[in-house]
C-alpha atoms as a PDB file:
ATOM      1  CA  MET A   1     -18.960 -12.584 -10.464  1.00  0.00           C
ATOM      2  CA  MET A   2     -17.594 -12.447  -6.718  1.00  0.00           C
ATOM      3  CA  GLN A   3     -14.166 -13.038  -6.068  1.00  0.00           C
ATOM      4  CA  ARG A   4     -13.274 -15.415  -3.378  1.00  0.00           C
ATOM      5  CA  LEU A   5     -11.467 -13.955  -0.386  1.00  0.00           C
ATOM      6  CA  GLU A   6      -8.978 -16.750  -0.149  1.00  0.00           C
ATOM      7  CA  SER A   7      -7.571 -15.555  -3.638  1.00  0.00           C
ATOM      8  CA  ALA A   8      -6.709 -12.085  -1.666  1.00  0.00           C
ATOM      9  CA  VAL A   9      -4.556 -13.682   0.927  1.00  0.00           C
ATOM     10  CA  TRP A  10      -1.284 -13.943  -1.007  1.00  0.00           C
ATOM     11  CA  PRO A  11      -1.486 -10.453  -2.405  1.00  0.00           C
ATOM     12  CA  LEU A  12      -2.232  -8.909   1.084  1.00  0.00           C
ATOM     13  CA  ALA A  13       0.561 -11.012   2.697  1.00  0.00           C
ATOM     14  CA  GLY A  14       3.055 -10.225   0.053  1.00  0.00           C
ATOM     15  CA  GLY A  15       2.284  -6.706  -0.163  1.00  0.00           C
ATOM     16  CA  THR A  16       2.435  -6.249   3.495  1.00  0.00           C
ATOM     17  CA  ALA A  17       5.820  -7.945   3.696  1.00  0.00           C
ATOM     18  CA  CYS A  18       7.165  -5.926   0.976  1.00  0.00           C
ATOM     19  CA  THR A  19       5.989  -2.474   2.491  1.00  0.00           C
ATOM     20  CA  PHE A  20       7.372  -3.428   5.902  1.00  0.00           C
ATOM     21  CA  VAL A  21      10.569  -4.310   4.603  1.00  0.00           C
ATOM     22  CA  LEU A  22      10.958  -1.189   2.560  1.00  0.00           C
ATOM     23  CA  ALA A  23       9.681   1.159   5.317  1.00  0.00           C
ATOM     24  CA  VAL A  24      12.225  -0.511   7.835  1.00  0.00           C
ATOM     25  CA  VAL A  25      15.208  -0.166   5.229  1.00  0.00           C
ATOM     26  CA  LEU A  26      14.355   3.193   4.242  1.00  0.00           C
ATOM     27  CA  LYS A  27      14.078   4.408   7.668  1.00  0.00           C
ATOM     28  CA  GLU A  28      17.434   6.588   7.671  1.00  0.00           C
ATOM     29  CA  ALA A  29      16.044   8.302   4.392  1.00  0.00           C
ATOM     30  CA  GLY A  30      13.760  10.988   4.290  1.00  0.00           C
ATOM     31  CA  TRP A  31      10.223  10.121   5.063  1.00  0.00           C
ATOM     32  CA  GLN A  32       9.450  11.465   1.565  1.00  0.00           C
ATOM     33  CA  VAL A  33      11.753   9.048  -0.309  1.00  0.00           C
ATOM     34  CA  ALA A  34      10.266   6.249   1.899  1.00  0.00           C
ATOM     35  CA  PHE A  35       6.777   7.163   1.153  1.00  0.00           C
ATOM     36  CA  ALA A  36       7.565   7.196  -2.731  1.00  0.00           C
ATOM     37  CA  VAL A  37       8.954   3.879  -2.826  1.00  0.00           C
ATOM     38  CA  VAL A  38       6.350   2.306  -0.385  1.00  0.00           C
ATOM     39  CA  ALA A  39       3.532   3.907  -2.568  1.00  0.00           C
ATOM     40  CA  THR A  40       5.223   2.528  -5.661  1.00  0.00           C
ATOM     41  CA  SER A  41       5.178  -0.840  -4.080  1.00  0.00           C
ATOM     42  CA  VAL A  42       1.508  -0.439  -3.004  1.00  0.00           C
ATOM     43  CA  ALA A  43       0.571   0.270  -6.479  1.00  0.00           C
ATOM     44  CA  GLY A  44       2.497  -2.699  -8.150  1.00  0.00           C
ATOM     45  CA  ARG A  45       1.194  -5.070  -5.522  1.00  0.00           C
ATOM     46  CA  ALA A  46      -2.469  -3.889  -5.734  1.00  0.00           C
ATOM     47  CA  LEU A  47      -2.666  -4.439  -9.608  1.00  0.00           C
ATOM     48  CA  LEU A  48      -2.820  -8.108  -8.918  1.00  0.00           C
ATOM     49  CA  ALA A  49      -5.123  -8.102  -6.141  1.00  0.00           C
ATOM     50  CA  PRO A  50      -9.051  -7.112  -5.576  1.00  0.00           C
ATOM     51  CA  PRO A  51      -9.892  -3.363  -4.739  1.00  0.00           C
ATOM     52  CA  ILE A  52     -10.458  -3.930  -1.165  1.00  0.00           C
ATOM     53  CA  VAL A  53      -6.877  -5.597  -0.859  1.00  0.00           C
ATOM     54  CA  GLY A  54      -5.535  -2.591  -2.600  1.00  0.00           C
ATOM     55  CA  ALA A  55      -7.171  -0.382  -0.101  1.00  0.00           C
ATOM     56  CA  ALA A  56      -5.945  -2.708   2.855  1.00  0.00           C
ATOM     57  CA  LEU A  57      -2.399  -2.663   1.336  1.00  0.00           C
ATOM     58  CA  GLY A  58      -2.715   1.181   1.377  1.00  0.00           C
ATOM     59  CA  ALA A  59      -3.717   1.289   4.950  1.00  0.00           C
ATOM     60  CA  VAL A  60      -1.110  -1.274   6.191  1.00  0.00           C
ATOM     61  CA  ALA A  61       1.465   0.881   4.166  1.00  0.00           C
ATOM     62  CA  TRP A  62       0.529   4.047   6.177  1.00  0.00           C
ATOM     63  CA  THR A  63       1.126   2.479   9.486  1.00  0.00           C
ATOM     64  CA  PHE A  64       4.589   1.421   8.347  1.00  0.00           C
ATOM     65  CA  VAL A  65       5.651   4.778   6.827  1.00  0.00           C
ATOM     66  CA  THR A  66       4.288   6.466   9.724  1.00  0.00           C
ATOM     67  CA  SER A  67       5.941   4.341  12.253  1.00  0.00           C
ATOM     68  CA  PHE A  68       9.355   4.024  10.733  1.00  0.00           C
ATOM     69  CA  ASP A  69       9.839   6.712   8.326  1.00  0.00           C
ATOM     70  CA  VAL A  70       7.964   9.766   9.757  1.00  0.00           C
ATOM     71  CA  ASN A  71       8.457   9.197  13.586  1.00  0.00           C
ATOM     72  CA  LYS A  72      11.603   7.015  13.044  1.00  0.00           C
ATOM     73  CA  SER A  73      10.806   5.304  16.439  1.00  0.00           C
ATOM     74  CA  GLY A  74       8.708   2.353  15.184  1.00  0.00           C
ATOM     75  CA  ASP A  75       5.682   3.628  17.374  1.00  0.00           C
ATOM     76  CA  LEU A  76       2.544   4.510  15.514  1.00  0.00           C
ATOM     77  CA  THR A  77       1.918   8.123  16.723  1.00  0.00           C
ATOM     78  CA  LEU A  78      -0.417  10.474  14.793  1.00  0.00           C
ATOM     79  CA  THR A  79       1.096  13.815  14.153  1.00  0.00           C
ATOM     80  CA  GLY A  80      -1.737  15.781  12.441  1.00  0.00           C
ATOM     81  CA  ALA A  81      -3.118  16.557   9.139  1.00  0.00           C
ATOM     82  CA  GLY A  82      -0.011  15.113   7.188  1.00  0.00           C
ATOM     83  CA  ASP A  83      -0.860  11.711   8.649  1.00  0.00           C
ATOM     84  CA  THR A  84      -4.636  12.050   7.078  1.00  0.00           C
ATOM     85  CA  ALA A  85      -3.083  13.227   3.588  1.00  0.00           C
ATOM     86  CA  ARG A  86      -0.589  10.277   3.746  1.00  0.00           C
ATOM     87  CA  ALA A  87      -3.231   7.647   4.606  1.00  0.00           C
ATOM     88  CA  ALA A  88      -5.622   9.007   2.031  1.00  0.00           C
ATOM     89  CA  THR A  89      -3.103   9.026  -0.660  1.00  0.00           C
ATOM     90  CA  LEU A  90      -1.946   5.413   0.101  1.00  0.00           C
ATOM     91  CA  ILE A  91      -5.514   4.020   0.321  1.00  0.00           C
ATOM     92  CA  THR A  92      -6.716   5.707  -2.772  1.00  0.00           C
ATOM     93  CA  LEU A  93      -3.594   4.647  -4.810  1.00  0.00           C
ATOM     94  CA  GLY A  94      -4.345   1.164  -3.734  1.00  0.00           C
ATOM     95  CA  LEU A  95      -7.785   1.259  -4.841  1.00  0.00           C
ATOM     96  CA  ILE A  96      -7.113   2.702  -8.234  1.00  0.00           C
ATOM     97  CA  ALA A  97      -4.282   0.442  -8.784  1.00  0.00           C
ATOM     98  CA  ALA A  98      -6.391  -2.498  -7.890  1.00  0.00           C
ATOM     99  CA  SER A  99      -9.178  -1.294 -10.003  1.00  0.00           C
ATOM    100  CA  ALA A 100      -6.939  -0.772 -13.010  1.00  0.00           C
ATOM    101  CA  GLY A 101      -5.632  -4.061 -12.826  1.00  0.00           C
ATOM    102  CA  LYS A 102      -8.844  -5.689 -12.720  1.00  0.00           C
ATOM    103  CA  TRP A 103     -10.155  -3.744 -15.666  1.00  0.00           C
ATOM    104  CA  PHE A 104      -6.986  -4.642 -17.655  1.00  0.00           C
ATOM    105  CA  THR A 105      -7.372  -8.255 -16.808  1.00  0.00           C
ATOM    106  CA  SER A 106     -10.909  -8.375 -17.797  1.00  0.00           C
ATOM    107  CA  ARG A 107     -10.036  -6.930 -21.260  1.00  0.00           C
ATOM    108  CA  SER A 108     -10.105  -9.274 -24.098  1.00  0.00           C
ATOM    109  CA  ILE A 109      -7.047  -9.038 -26.361  1.00  0.00           C
ATOM    110  CA  PRO A 110      -8.074  -9.590 -29.881  1.00  0.00           C
END
């Protein structure tokens, strides 16, 4: 069964807004703290979304964490292998959480 893309709009919009606010609010904290909080948000939001949206949320979250928490300037500037690792972690986390959410919702409870 194919899920309609329109059903993905709200999880993506809500997740994007949430990760943006968290990244900006946590700008003065260490990037590791902001990364952990944003990653938790991505996982929570992705649970209710299709896997492609989970991956997209991870990618969007990476841009916010990199811009506001790693670079502190709001500019998306790539700094090296750390950026790749953070991106891979957030995107994979979004995919796994969305897949787990889909699996759990497809299970019938006796």
